[in-house]
């Protein structure tokens, strides 16, 4: 861990775990922590030894949002830039991002959850876009939120600032599963491990396809799908997947070879 960042960074097999560690501030996102999160995620994207990133937190709160004090500092513009990087990571990611939400996630904390490809929450987790209460619209996290729950619902959550519990968050699509608090950590680690052991080549190709077809017409997306699928048909991982399926054994992905 870099002490100034408030982030614990550790490798667990093929999973990079990034743990928010500023419980005394309810894991508010200061510049150093945001920078460390961005650097950690981007490092994992370029390291074939890593197959997934798991973001979690220590303390009773997952993340209370931005560190407001920094918004009025001379470095505020730099902070805005790193926020833009952090909350668009999912759109650029070529490996799965997993979030484990063990407590309240407010404001930018909701953005971290929406940014994940797979999000799990404890039964007592709560979520709210609280920025509107201080005269701010959550501009930077809005697109990630809209992709998670749909634009109309995202607007409603941003305008009302209302709080939703874990079960409603699951119904809305903000989180994918709700777990007992004492089971969350292991369940999230299990999901991350499973994703990390999938074909690195197929996951990367799939996420690139999703990013490339976002906003395209059905016809354009269809042409892009044809191109990506033809490329994947020729990949060593696909050939191994077919062999393993026919032999009724676990695949040994060439893309994961040491």
Protein backbone atom coordinates (compact mmCIF):
# COMPACT_ATOMS: atom_id res chain seq x y z
CA UNK A 1 0.00 0.00 0.00
CA UNK A 2 1.07 3.56 -0.66
CA UNK A 3 0.34 5.17 2.72
CA UNK A 4 -0.68 8.53 1.27
CA UNK A 5 -3.21 6.97 -1.09
CA UNK A 6 -5.50 5.28 1.41
CA UNK A 7 -5.62 2.24 -0.88
CA UNK A 8 -4.40 -1.28 -0.14
CA UNK A 9 -3.26 -3.01 -3.30
CA UNK A 10 -2.58 -6.73 -3.28
CA UNK A 11 -2.45 -9.62 -5.71
CA UNK A 12 -4.47 -12.76 -5.01
CA UNK A 13 -3.72 -15.28 -7.74
CA UNK A 14 -4.98 -13.69 -10.97
CA UNK A 15 -7.06 -11.08 -9.11
CA UNK A 16 -5.87 -7.60 -8.22
CA UNK A 17 -7.68 -6.50 -5.05
CA UNK A 18 -7.94 -2.74 -4.45
CA UNK A 19 -9.24 -1.95 -0.97
CA UNK A 20 -10.32 1.53 0.11
CA UNK A 21 -8.66 2.15 3.47
CA UNK A 22 -9.76 5.53 4.83
CA UNK A 23 -12.45 4.37 7.27
CA UNK A 24 -11.94 7.46 9.43
CA UNK A 25 -13.30 9.56 6.53
CA UNK A 26 -15.92 6.95 5.50
CA UNK A 27 -13.60 6.17 2.57
CA UNK A 28 -14.10 9.56 0.95
CA UNK A 29 -12.30 9.71 -2.39
CA UNK A 30 -9.41 12.14 -2.19
CA UNK A 31 -7.07 12.79 -5.10
CA UNK A 32 -4.40 10.31 -3.96
CA UNK A 33 -6.91 7.48 -3.58
CA UNK A 34 -8.52 8.19 -6.97
CA UNK A 35 -5.10 8.30 -8.61
CA UNK A 36 -4.12 5.00 -6.97
CA UNK A 37 -7.38 3.37 -8.11
CA UNK A 38 -6.87 4.52 -11.70
CA UNK A 39 -3.24 3.39 -11.70
CA UNK A 40 -4.12 0.01 -10.20
CA UNK A 41 -6.89 -0.69 -12.71
CA UNK A 42 -4.80 0.42 -15.66
CA UNK A 43 -1.82 -1.64 -14.49
CA UNK A 44 -4.07 -4.72 -14.34
CA UNK A 45 -5.35 -4.06 -17.85
CA UNK A 46 -1.78 -4.25 -19.17
CA UNK A 47 -0.65 -7.25 -17.11
CA UNK A 48 -1.58 -10.65 -18.56
CA UNK A 49 -0.97 -12.20 -15.13
CA UNK A 50 -4.06 -10.35 -13.92
CA UNK A 51 -7.52 -11.53 -15.00
CA UNK A 52 -9.84 -9.34 -12.91
CA UNK A 53 -9.90 -6.40 -10.49
CA UNK A 54 -11.85 -6.50 -7.22
CA UNK A 55 -12.66 -3.20 -5.47
CA UNK A 56 -13.77 -3.35 -1.83
CA UNK A 57 -13.40 -1.31 1.34
CA UNK A 58 -12.55 -1.47 5.03
CA UNK A 59 -14.77 -0.04 7.72
CA UNK A 60 -18.55 0.36 8.02
CA UNK A 61 -18.87 2.56 4.89
CA UNK A 62 -17.99 1.50 1.35
CA UNK A 63 -17.52 5.07 0.10
CA UNK A 64 -19.12 8.36 1.14
CA UNK A 65 -18.22 10.19 -2.06
CA UNK A 66 -15.68 12.85 -2.95
CA UNK A 67 -13.48 14.70 -0.48
CA UNK A 68 -15.26 18.06 -0.68
CA UNK A 69 -12.35 20.00 0.80
CA UNK A 70 -10.24 19.28 -2.27
CA UNK A 71 -12.85 20.74 -4.62
CA UNK A 72 -11.88 24.22 -3.44
CA UNK A 73 -8.13 23.69 -3.56
CA UNK A 74 -5.74 24.95 -6.27
CA UNK A 75 -5.56 21.33 -7.52
CA UNK A 76 -9.33 21.09 -8.19
CA UNK A 77 -8.87 20.89 -11.97
CA UNK A 78 -6.43 18.01 -11.57
CA UNK A 79 -8.97 16.28 -9.32
CA UNK A 80 -11.69 16.62 -11.95
CA UNK A 81 -9.40 15.02 -14.53
CA UNK A 82 -8.67 11.97 -12.37
CA UNK A 83 -12.40 11.63 -11.58
CA UNK A 84 -13.14 11.54 -15.30
CA UNK A 85 -10.54 8.80 -15.72
CA UNK A 86 -11.84 6.76 -12.78
CA UNK A 87 -15.51 6.82 -13.71
CA UNK A 88 -14.93 5.87 -17.34
CA UNK A 89 -12.66 2.91 -16.54
CA UNK A 90 -15.43 0.39 -17.23
CA UNK A 91 -15.91 1.80 -20.73
CA UNK A 92 -12.21 1.22 -21.48
CA UNK A 93 -11.56 -1.91 -19.44
CA UNK A 94 -10.48 -5.11 -21.15
CA UNK A 95 -10.79 -7.18 -17.96
CA UNK A 96 -13.70 -7.49 -15.53
CA UNK A 97 -14.12 -5.03 -12.65
CA UNK A 98 -15.89 -6.42 -9.58
CA UNK A 99 -17.21 -4.35 -6.65
CA UNK A 100 -18.00 -5.67 -3.16
CA UNK A 101 -20.14 -3.12 -1.30
CA UNK A 102 -20.17 -3.84 2.43
CA UNK A 103 -21.90 -0.64 3.60
CA UNK A 104 -23.30 2.70 2.45
CA UNK A 105 -22.21 3.96 -0.98
CA UNK A 106 -23.08 7.59 -1.55
CA UNK A 107 -22.40 10.09 -4.37
CA UNK A 108 -19.14 9.09 -6.08
CA UNK A 109 -19.30 5.81 -4.17
CA UNK A 110 -22.33 4.93 -6.30
CA UNK A 111 -20.16 5.73 -9.31
CA UNK A 112 -17.64 3.10 -8.24
CA UNK A 113 -20.45 0.54 -8.03
CA UNK A 114 -21.94 1.51 -11.40
CA UNK A 115 -18.46 1.37 -12.92
CA UNK A 116 -18.12 -2.34 -12.09
CA UNK A 117 -19.04 -5.08 -14.55
CA UNK A 118 -20.23 -7.18 -11.61
CA UNK A 119 -21.35 -5.62 -8.31
CA UNK A 120 -22.29 -7.45 -5.11
CA UNK A 121 -23.67 -5.85 -1.95
CA UNK A 122 -24.30 -6.82 1.64
CA UNK A 123 -27.90 -6.88 2.81
CA UNK A 124 -27.38 -3.70 4.83
CA UNK A 125 -25.78 -1.69 2.00
CA UNK A 126 -27.45 1.57 0.99
CA UNK A 127 -27.05 3.80 -2.05
CA UNK A 128 -27.80 7.45 -2.82
CA UNK A 129 -26.71 10.16 -5.25
CA UNK A 130 -26.49 12.88 -2.62
CA UNK A 131 -24.80 15.59 -4.70
CA UNK A 132 -28.08 17.39 -5.44
CA UNK A 133 -28.36 18.25 -1.73
CA UNK A 134 -25.30 20.48 -1.97
CA UNK A 135 -26.34 22.08 -5.25
CA UNK A 136 -24.47 19.77 -7.61
CA UNK A 137 -25.56 17.30 -10.28
CA UNK A 138 -23.42 14.11 -10.38
CA UNK A 139 -22.06 14.84 -13.85
CA UNK A 140 -18.98 12.63 -13.76
CA UNK A 141 -20.69 9.44 -12.57
CA UNK A 142 -23.90 9.90 -14.55
CA UNK A 143 -22.99 7.97 -17.71
CA UNK A 144 -21.78 4.93 -15.76
CA UNK A 145 -24.96 5.06 -13.67
CA UNK A 146 -27.16 5.39 -16.76
CA UNK A 147 -25.53 2.33 -18.33
CA UNK A 148 -26.23 0.39 -15.13
CA UNK A 149 -29.86 1.34 -14.48
CA UNK A 150 -31.05 3.13 -17.62
CA UNK A 151 -31.06 6.85 -18.31
CA UNK A 152 -34.55 7.68 -17.05
CA UNK A 153 -34.01 5.94 -13.70
CA UNK A 154 -30.54 7.48 -13.40
CA UNK A 155 -32.04 10.96 -13.84
CA UNK A 156 -34.63 10.25 -11.15
CA UNK A 157 -31.99 9.05 -8.68
CA UNK A 158 -29.78 12.05 -9.39
CA UNK A 159 -32.60 14.59 -9.07
CA UNK A 160 -34.18 13.20 -5.91
CA UNK A 161 -31.04 12.08 -4.09
CA UNK A 162 -33.22 9.41 -2.51
CA UNK A 163 -31.70 6.46 -0.74
CA UNK A 164 -32.27 2.90 -1.95
CA UNK A 165 -31.55 -0.27 -0.03
CA UNK A 166 -29.64 -3.27 -1.34
CA UNK A 167 -32.73 -5.11 -2.59
CA UNK A 168 -33.98 -2.13 -4.56
CA UNK A 169 -30.49 -1.57 -5.95
CA UNK A 170 -30.57 -5.17 -7.15
CA UNK A 171 -33.98 -4.69 -8.80
CA UNK A 172 -32.73 -1.54 -10.51
CA UNK A 173 -29.63 -3.29 -11.84
CA UNK A 174 -27.12 -1.24 -9.86
CA UNK A 175 -25.94 -4.42 -8.11
CA UNK A 176 -26.22 -7.96 -9.39
CA UNK A 177 -26.50 -9.90 -6.14
CA UNK A 178 -27.16 -9.27 -2.45
CA UNK A 179 -25.38 -11.39 0.18
CA UNK A 180 -25.40 -11.70 3.95
CA UNK A 181 -22.75 -9.34 5.33
CA UNK A 182 -20.60 -12.20 6.61
CA UNK A 183 -20.62 -13.92 3.21
CA UNK A 184 -19.93 -10.91 0.97
CA UNK A 185 -16.13 -10.95 0.99
CA UNK A 186 -15.81 -14.60 0.05
CA UNK A 187 -18.62 -14.43 -2.51
CA UNK A 188 -17.02 -11.44 -4.24
CA UNK A 189 -13.60 -13.10 -4.20
CA UNK A 190 -15.15 -16.26 -5.67
CA UNK A 191 -16.78 -14.27 -8.49
CA UNK A 192 -13.53 -12.41 -9.22
CA UNK A 193 -11.53 -15.65 -9.27
CA UNK A 194 -14.00 -17.25 -11.66
CA UNK A 195 -13.85 -14.28 -14.03
CA UNK A 196 -10.06 -14.22 -13.83
CA UNK A 197 -9.83 -17.87 -14.89
CA UNK A 198 -11.95 -17.36 -18.02
CA UNK A 199 -10.31 -17.08 -21.42
CA UNK A 200 -8.33 -13.84 -21.28
CA UNK A 201 -8.61 -13.54 -25.04
CA UNK A 202 -12.40 -13.99 -25.13
CA UNK A 203 -12.99 -11.59 -22.22
CA UNK A 204 -10.80 -8.91 -23.77
CA UNK A 205 -12.44 -9.32 -27.16
CA UNK A 206 -15.92 -9.23 -25.64
CA UNK A 207 -15.34 -6.07 -23.64
CA UNK A 208 -13.75 -4.35 -26.64
CA UNK A 209 -16.80 -5.35 -28.69
CA UNK A 210 -19.17 -3.89 -26.09
CA UNK A 211 -17.23 -0.62 -26.07
CA UNK A 212 -16.99 -0.40 -29.85
CA UNK A 213 -20.71 -1.03 -30.45
CA UNK A 214 -21.99 1.33 -27.75
CA UNK A 215 -24.28 3.86 -29.41
CA UNK A 216 -24.12 2.23 -32.85
CA UNK A 217 -27.16 1.29 -34.91
CA UNK A 218 -28.32 -2.33 -35.00
CA UNK A 219 -26.89 -2.73 -38.50
CA UNK A 220 -23.51 -1.28 -37.52
CA UNK A 221 -23.39 -3.40 -34.37
CA UNK A 222 -24.21 -6.48 -36.44
CA UNK A 223 -21.31 -5.84 -38.80
CA UNK A 224 -18.98 -5.30 -35.85
CA UNK A 225 -20.22 -8.52 -34.23
CA UNK A 226 -19.48 -10.43 -37.45
CA UNK A 227 -15.91 -9.08 -37.51
CA UNK A 228 -15.22 -9.84 -33.86
CA UNK A 229 -16.73 -13.32 -34.08
CA UNK A 230 -14.72 -14.22 -37.18
CA UNK A 231 -11.55 -13.14 -35.38
CA UNK A 232 -12.46 -15.17 -32.30
CA UNK A 233 -13.21 -18.26 -34.41
CA UNK A 234 -9.54 -18.20 -35.44
CA UNK A 235 -8.17 -17.78 -31.91
CA UNK A 236 -6.21 -20.51 -30.08
CA UNK A 237 -8.51 -20.11 -27.07
CA UNK A 238 -11.62 -20.92 -29.11
CA UNK A 239 -9.93 -23.99 -30.61
CA UNK A 240 -8.98 -25.15 -27.11
CA UNK A 241 -12.48 -24.44 -25.80
CA UNK A 242 -14.01 -26.65 -28.49
CA UNK A 243 -11.47 -29.44 -27.83
CA UNK A 244 -12.16 -29.30 -24.10
CA UNK A 245 -15.93 -29.32 -24.62
CA UNK A 246 -15.72 -32.40 -26.85
CA UNK A 247 -13.35 -34.15 -24.45
CA UNK A 248 -15.52 -33.18 -21.45
CA UNK A 249 -12.59 -31.64 -19.58
CA UNK A 250 -11.70 -28.21 -18.25
CA UNK A 251 -10.12 -25.97 -20.90
CA UNK A 252 -6.46 -24.97 -20.66
CA UNK A 253 -6.57 -21.50 -22.20
CA UNK A 254 -3.46 -20.65 -24.25
CA UNK A 255 -3.94 -16.98 -23.32
CA UNK A 256 -3.41 -17.87 -19.64
CA UNK A 257 -0.24 -19.89 -20.26
CA UNK A 258 2.70 -18.80 -18.15
